[in-house]
Amino acid sequence: MERVLVLGASGGMGYSIVRELLDRGIQVKAFARTKEKLEKLYGKDQNVTIITGDIFQVEDLKRAADDVDVIFQSANIPYPEWEEKLELFMRNILIAARENGAKLAVVDNIYAYGRSGGKMVTEEFPKNPHTKKGRIRLNVENVIKQSSVDALIAHFPDFYGPNAESTLLHYTIDNIVKGKRAGFVGNQEIKREFIFTPDGAKAIVNLALDERSYGQNWNIPAYGTVSGKELIEMIREITGYNKGVSTISKNMIRFLGLFNPMMREAVEMFYLNEEPVVLDGSKYEKVFGEIPRTSYQEGLRQTIEYMKKE
């Protein structure tokens, strides 16, 4: 793998994937809609080619994918657009990959699994999504598998990390770093997973570099499960924050949804804060060894350090 395309390179996971690839001496085409954000992130990196375009325009993707070995798909769109547009842009990506002879490494979430019933979720766990967004993700997964493109799909829990701004934990950390009143989404006593984006990037790059990975799904778990209360205490130790951190409940999200389409769509996924889906990474470990895992304390420290610089 000598040259790759990273879609969604201005987002949290895309940013960490680009950094991981650069650390391995791989040339990167960084693709996103906004040139200013890309230049801010990568303008000084000689091994990064900045490409702006629209993921809904197949010609933009075909142009960007010219002469690359692998396409990393880490782009996303707002929840309200999923039903109409998520499959469309994945089909565009598949066309670009096929016509350029590129492989595809897909960053995916855990929505397609649906409820886990308290069990650890392996790749063989039956996918029976009970939410609209879970069904959409499963449909997109099937579109990928039915294509002729060599693809791998990596399932991750919720993210946090440098430049990962569209995440649940970012909302909490950002307000704390700014000294504002902060809130935590979901019951602070329930333990669930959050993966540090540089860890996730290492794992998916490891997968993409190995021919054995393609044609398969892979679960990439986090450092372990952690409660909101534990996370908040770690953040307090790092920042010295001494204000209260409120709990944002499902009813509060539902109320905000009366005025905000994004919040309206987020309500159905709130079950993940009440019935966590915890991934089993033993398949990855049997093939590749230990999954990259940074402790929550260290991951939060690096994330906060990055946010303060920004």
Protein backbone atom coordinates (compact mmCIF):
# COMPACT_ATOMS: atom_id res chain seq x y z
CA MET A 1 0.00 0.00 0.00
CA GLU A 2 1.84 3.07 -1.27
CA ARG A 3 -0.88 5.65 -1.85
CA VAL A 4 -4.36 5.86 -0.36
CA LEU A 5 -7.45 8.02 -0.32
CA VAL A 6 -9.07 8.97 2.98
CA LEU A 7 -12.68 10.12 2.67
CA GLY A 8 -13.87 12.29 5.54
CA ALA A 9 -10.28 13.33 6.27
CA SER A 10 -11.39 16.43 8.18
CA GLY A 11 -13.38 14.37 10.72
CA GLY A 12 -12.19 12.69 13.89
CA MET A 13 -11.54 9.18 12.63
CA GLY A 14 -10.39 10.40 9.22
CA TYR A 15 -7.84 12.68 10.86
CA SER A 16 -6.40 9.83 12.94
CA ILE A 17 -6.28 7.51 9.91
CA VAL A 18 -4.34 10.12 7.94
CA ARG A 19 -1.90 10.56 10.83
CA GLU A 20 -1.41 6.82 11.19
CA LEU A 21 -0.77 6.40 7.47
CA LEU A 22 1.75 9.26 7.46
CA ASP A 23 3.56 7.69 10.41
CA ARG A 24 3.98 4.57 8.26
CA GLY A 25 5.38 6.52 5.31
CA ILE A 26 2.29 6.10 3.14
CA GLN A 27 1.23 8.92 0.81
CA VAL A 28 -2.30 10.16 1.45
CA LYS A 29 -4.98 11.91 -0.54
CA ALA A 30 -7.12 13.70 2.05
CA PHE A 31 -10.68 14.26 0.79
CA ALA A 32 -13.41 16.40 2.30
CA ARG A 33 -15.80 19.16 1.30
CA THR A 34 -14.09 22.09 3.02
CA LYS A 35 -10.66 23.15 1.81
CA GLU A 36 -9.96 25.46 4.76
CA LYS A 37 -10.29 22.65 7.32
CA LEU A 38 -8.09 20.32 5.27
CA GLU A 39 -5.41 22.99 4.88
CA LYS A 40 -5.47 23.69 8.59
CA LEU A 41 -4.98 20.00 9.39
CA TYR A 42 -2.57 18.99 6.64
CA GLY A 43 -1.25 22.08 4.90
CA LYS A 44 2.29 21.50 6.17
CA ASP A 45 2.43 17.77 5.38
CA GLN A 46 4.33 17.08 2.17
CA ASN A 47 2.97 13.54 1.90
CA VAL A 48 -0.65 14.73 1.91
CA THR A 49 -2.49 15.81 -1.24
CA ILE A 50 -5.56 17.85 -0.34
CA ILE A 51 -8.62 17.16 -2.48
CA THR A 52 -11.99 18.85 -2.06
CA GLY A 53 -15.16 17.44 -3.50
CA ASP A 54 -18.68 16.19 -2.96
CA ILE A 55 -19.22 12.56 -1.91
CA PHE A 56 -22.56 12.67 -3.73
CA GLN A 57 -20.81 13.42 -7.03
CA VAL A 58 -19.35 10.20 -8.37
CA GLU A 59 -17.00 12.05 -10.73
CA ASP A 60 -15.41 13.83 -7.75
CA LEU A 61 -14.77 10.47 -6.10
CA LYS A 62 -13.45 8.84 -9.26
CA ARG A 63 -11.03 11.73 -9.74
CA ALA A 64 -9.87 11.51 -6.13
CA ALA A 65 -9.44 7.72 -6.26
CA ASP A 66 -7.19 7.77 -9.32
CA ASP A 67 -3.96 5.83 -8.72
CA VAL A 68 -4.67 4.76 -5.12
CA ASP A 69 -4.38 1.27 -3.65
CA VAL A 70 -6.98 1.61 -0.88
CA ILE A 71 -9.87 3.93 -0.11
CA PHE A 72 -10.59 4.49 3.59
CA GLN A 73 -14.23 5.44 4.00
CA SER A 74 -14.64 7.50 7.17
CA ALA A 75 -17.00 10.17 5.84
CA ASN A 76 -20.44 10.58 7.37
CA ILE A 77 -23.53 12.68 6.89
CA PRO A 78 -26.10 14.07 9.36
CA TYR A 79 -28.68 11.62 10.71
CA PRO A 80 -31.65 13.31 8.95
CA GLU A 81 -30.01 12.55 5.57
CA TRP A 82 -29.27 8.87 6.17
CA GLU A 83 -32.49 7.39 4.81
CA GLU A 84 -32.27 9.22 1.51
CA LYS A 85 -28.55 9.56 0.94
CA LEU A 86 -26.36 7.07 2.86
CA GLU A 87 -26.74 4.24 0.34
CA LEU A 88 -26.29 6.70 -2.54
CA PHE A 89 -22.89 7.92 -1.45
CA MET A 90 -21.71 4.38 -0.63
CA ARG A 91 -22.65 3.29 -4.14
CA ASN A 92 -20.64 6.24 -5.47
CA ILE A 93 -17.64 5.13 -3.42
CA LEU A 94 -17.95 1.58 -4.73
CA ILE A 95 -18.06 2.84 -8.32
CA ALA A 96 -14.92 4.92 -7.73
CA ALA A 97 -13.14 1.98 -6.12
CA ARG A 98 -14.12 -0.48 -8.84
CA GLU A 99 -13.17 1.79 -11.73
CA ASN A 100 -9.78 2.55 -10.19
CA GLY A 101 -9.04 -0.98 -9.03
CA ALA A 102 -8.83 0.12 -5.39
CA LYS A 103 -9.68 -1.84 -2.26
CA LEU A 104 -12.05 -0.38 0.33
CA ALA A 105 -11.71 -0.16 4.13
CA VAL A 106 -14.94 1.01 5.77
CA VAL A 107 -15.27 2.65 9.19
CA ASP A 108 -18.62 1.50 10.57
CA ASN A 109 -20.45 1.78 13.86
CA ILE A 110 -22.37 -0.79 15.93
CA TYR A 111 -25.93 0.20 14.95
CA ALA A 112 -26.52 -2.80 12.65
CA TYR A 113 -26.10 -5.22 15.57
CA GLY A 114 -29.18 -3.92 17.36
CA ARG A 115 -29.68 -4.96 20.97
CA SER A 116 -27.09 -7.35 22.36
CA GLY A 117 -29.06 -8.69 25.32
CA GLY A 118 -26.03 -8.09 27.53
CA LYS A 119 -23.82 -10.47 25.53
CA MET A 120 -20.39 -9.69 24.14
CA VAL A 121 -20.85 -9.11 20.43
CA THR A 122 -18.69 -11.10 18.01
CA GLU A 123 -18.69 -10.73 14.23
CA GLU A 124 -21.01 -13.77 14.07
CA PHE A 125 -23.60 -12.14 16.34
CA PRO A 126 -26.94 -12.04 14.41
CA LYS A 127 -27.55 -8.57 13.03
CA ASN A 128 -31.15 -7.76 13.87
CA PRO A 129 -31.37 -3.96 14.11
CA HIS A 130 -34.50 -2.61 15.74
CA THR A 131 -33.88 1.04 14.79
CA LYS A 132 -34.27 2.78 11.45
CA LYS A 133 -30.63 3.84 11.42
CA GLY A 134 -29.51 0.31 12.28
CA ARG A 135 -31.49 -1.05 9.35
CA ILE A 136 -29.99 1.58 7.04
CA ARG A 137 -26.46 0.65 8.13
CA LEU A 138 -27.15 -3.05 7.59
CA ASN A 139 -28.55 -2.32 4.13
CA VAL A 140 -25.41 -0.34 3.25
CA GLU A 141 -23.26 -3.21 4.53
CA ASN A 142 -25.12 -5.59 2.24
CA VAL A 143 -24.60 -3.25 -0.71
CA ILE A 144 -20.85 -3.36 -0.04
CA LYS A 145 -20.78 -7.15 0.24
CA GLN A 146 -22.78 -7.59 -2.97
CA SER A 147 -20.34 -5.46 -4.94
CA SER A 148 -17.25 -6.72 -6.77
CA VAL A 149 -14.96 -4.46 -4.73
CA ASP A 150 -12.52 -6.03 -2.25
CA ALA A 151 -13.74 -4.48 0.98
CA LEU A 152 -13.41 -4.85 4.71
CA ILE A 153 -15.79 -3.44 7.29
CA ALA A 154 -14.56 -2.46 10.75
CA HIS A 155 -17.12 -1.95 13.52
CA PHE A 156 -16.21 0.55 16.24
CA PRO A 157 -17.91 1.83 19.40
CA ASP A 158 -18.41 5.58 19.90
CA PHE A 159 -15.28 7.63 19.27
CA TYR A 160 -13.35 10.25 21.18
CA GLY A 161 -9.97 11.78 20.44
CA PRO A 162 -8.12 14.64 18.72
CA ASN A 163 -10.34 16.48 16.21
CA ALA A 164 -13.27 14.12 16.96
CA GLU A 165 -15.78 16.92 17.35
CA SER A 166 -19.01 15.16 16.35
CA THR A 167 -19.03 12.76 19.28
CA LEU A 168 -20.90 12.39 22.55
CA LEU A 169 -17.78 12.75 24.68
CA HIS A 170 -16.60 15.82 22.79
CA TYR A 171 -19.74 17.63 23.91
CA THR A 172 -18.84 16.94 27.54
CA ILE A 173 -15.09 17.54 27.27
CA ASP A 174 -15.42 20.71 25.20
CA ASN A 175 -17.61 22.45 27.76
CA ILE A 176 -15.32 21.38 30.60
CA VAL A 177 -12.20 22.63 28.81
CA LYS A 178 -13.98 25.95 28.23
CA GLY A 179 -14.97 26.14 31.89
CA LYS A 180 -18.67 26.05 31.08
CA ARG A 181 -21.44 24.05 32.67
CA ALA A 182 -21.20 20.55 31.22
CA GLY A 183 -23.53 17.63 30.66
CA PHE A 184 -23.05 13.92 30.01
CA VAL A 185 -25.38 12.07 27.64
CA GLY A 186 -26.93 9.05 29.36
CA ASN A 187 -26.87 7.47 32.80
CA GLN A 188 -23.52 8.24 34.40
CA GLU A 189 -23.50 4.91 36.28
CA ILE A 190 -23.76 2.64 33.22
CA LYS A 191 -20.52 1.32 31.76
CA ARG A 192 -20.02 1.37 27.99
CA GLU A 193 -17.24 1.64 25.40
CA PHE A 194 -15.59 4.69 23.85
CA ILE A 195 -12.65 4.13 21.51
CA PHE A 196 -9.72 6.52 21.21
CA THR A 197 -9.52 7.42 17.52
CA PRO A 198 -5.74 6.87 17.14
CA ASP A 199 -6.27 3.31 18.42
CA GLY A 200 -9.06 2.74 15.93
CA ALA A 201 -6.88 4.17 13.15
CA LYS A 202 -4.01 1.81 13.96
CA ALA A 203 -6.37 -1.16 13.89
CA ILE A 204 -8.04 -0.36 10.58
CA VAL A 205 -4.71 0.45 8.91
CA ASN A 206 -3.38 -2.92 10.13
CA LEU A 207 -6.42 -4.55 8.56
CA ALA A 208 -6.07 -2.68 5.28
CA LEU A 209 -2.43 -3.70 4.93
CA ASP A 210 -3.26 -7.42 5.07
CA GLU A 211 -4.96 -9.25 2.20
CA ARG A 212 -6.60 -11.65 4.67
CA SER A 213 -8.79 -8.85 6.03
CA TYR A 214 -10.83 -8.25 2.90
CA GLY A 215 -14.25 -9.77 2.40
CA GLN A 216 -14.79 -9.79 6.17
CA ASN A 217 -16.19 -7.80 9.09
CA TRP A 218 -13.97 -6.97 12.07
CA ASN A 219 -14.90 -5.76 15.55
CA ILE A 220 -12.52 -3.25 17.12
CA PRO A 221 -13.32 -2.79 20.83
CA ALA A 222 -12.09 -0.01 23.09
CA TYR A 223 -9.78 -0.12 26.12
CA GLY A 224 -12.66 -1.56 28.12
CA THR A 225 -15.96 -0.37 29.48
CA VAL A 226 -16.16 2.78 31.57
CA SER A 227 -18.93 4.74 33.28
CA GLY A 228 -19.67 8.39 32.73
CA LYS A 229 -18.91 8.98 36.39
CA GLU A 230 -15.44 7.47 35.96
CA LEU A 231 -14.77 9.48 32.81
CA ILE A 232 -15.82 12.73 34.46
CA GLU A 233 -13.53 12.04 37.41
CA MET A 234 -10.59 11.48 35.05
CA ILE A 235 -11.38 14.69 33.19
CA ARG A 236 -11.54 16.57 36.50
CA GLU A 237 -8.09 15.25 37.45
CA ILE A 238 -6.65 16.41 34.12
CA THR A 239 -8.33 19.82 33.96
CA GLY A 240 -9.05 20.79 37.56
CA TYR A 241 -12.72 21.33 36.66
CA ASN A 242 -14.85 21.54 39.79
CA LYS A 243 -18.36 22.34 38.55
CA GLY A 244 -21.18 19.86 38.46
CA VAL A 245 -21.82 17.74 35.37
CA SER A 246 -25.49 17.17 34.69
CA THR A 247 -27.08 14.10 33.11
CA ILE A 248 -28.73 14.53 29.72
CA SER A 249 -31.69 12.14 29.62
CA LYS A 250 -33.65 10.67 26.75
CA ASN A 251 -36.58 12.95 27.53
CA MET A 252 -34.30 15.98 27.27
CA ILE A 253 -33.07 14.78 23.85
CA ARG A 254 -36.68 14.17 22.82
CA PHE A 255 -37.65 17.70 23.86
CA LEU A 256 -34.74 19.21 21.90
CA GLY A 257 -35.93 17.18 18.93
CA LEU A 258 -39.02 19.35 18.76
CA PHE A 259 -36.79 22.13 17.50
CA ASN A 260 -33.73 20.32 16.13
CA PRO A 261 -33.95 17.60 13.42
CA MET A 262 -30.59 16.15 14.48
CA MET A 263 -31.78 15.64 18.06
CA ARG A 264 -35.06 14.21 16.78
CA GLU A 265 -33.12 11.53 14.91
CA ALA A 266 -30.78 10.88 17.85
CA VAL A 267 -33.56 9.75 20.19
CA GLU A 268 -33.86 6.23 18.76
CA MET A 269 -30.15 5.58 19.30
CA PHE A 270 -30.34 6.53 22.97
CA TYR A 271 -30.77 2.85 23.86
CA LEU A 272 -26.99 2.51 23.47
CA ASN A 273 -26.63 4.65 26.60
CA GLU A 274 -28.97 2.32 28.50
CA GLU A 275 -28.18 -1.11 26.99
CA PRO A 276 -24.54 -0.86 25.88
CA VAL A 277 -23.27 -2.97 23.00
CA VAL A 278 -19.79 -4.24 23.92
CA LEU A 279 -17.62 -5.60 21.12
CA ASP A 280 -15.58 -8.82 21.26
CA GLY A 281 -12.24 -8.34 19.48
CA SER A 282 -10.94 -11.90 19.71
CA LYS A 283 -11.13 -12.45 15.93
CA TYR A 284 -8.77 -9.53 15.32
CA GLU A 285 -6.42 -10.66 18.09
CA LYS A 286 -6.17 -14.21 16.72
CA VAL A 287 -4.96 -12.86 13.37
CA PHE A 288 -3.09 -9.66 14.22
CA GLY A 289 -2.26 -9.83 17.91
CA GLU A 290 -3.20 -7.32 20.57
CA ILE A 291 -5.71 -4.64 19.62
CA PRO A 292 -4.29 -1.11 20.02
CA ARG A 293 -5.59 0.13 23.36
CA THR A 294 -4.81 3.41 25.08
CA SER A 295 -6.06 3.86 28.63
CA TYR A 296 -8.94 6.28 29.09
CA GLN A 297 -6.78 8.46 31.34
CA GLU A 298 -4.08 8.82 28.67
CA GLY A 299 -6.54 9.12 25.78
CA LEU A 300 -8.43 11.88 27.55
CA ARG A 301 -5.17 13.65 28.38
CA GLN A 302 -4.10 13.66 24.73
CA THR A 303 -7.57 14.72 23.56
CA ILE A 304 -7.71 17.62 26.01
CA GLU A 305 -4.18 18.68 25.11
CA TYR A 306 -5.17 18.80 21.44
CA MET A 307 -8.35 20.77 22.20
CA LYS A 308 -6.44 23.35 24.23
CA LYS A 309 -4.00 23.91 21.36
CA GLU A 310 -6.88 24.44 19.00
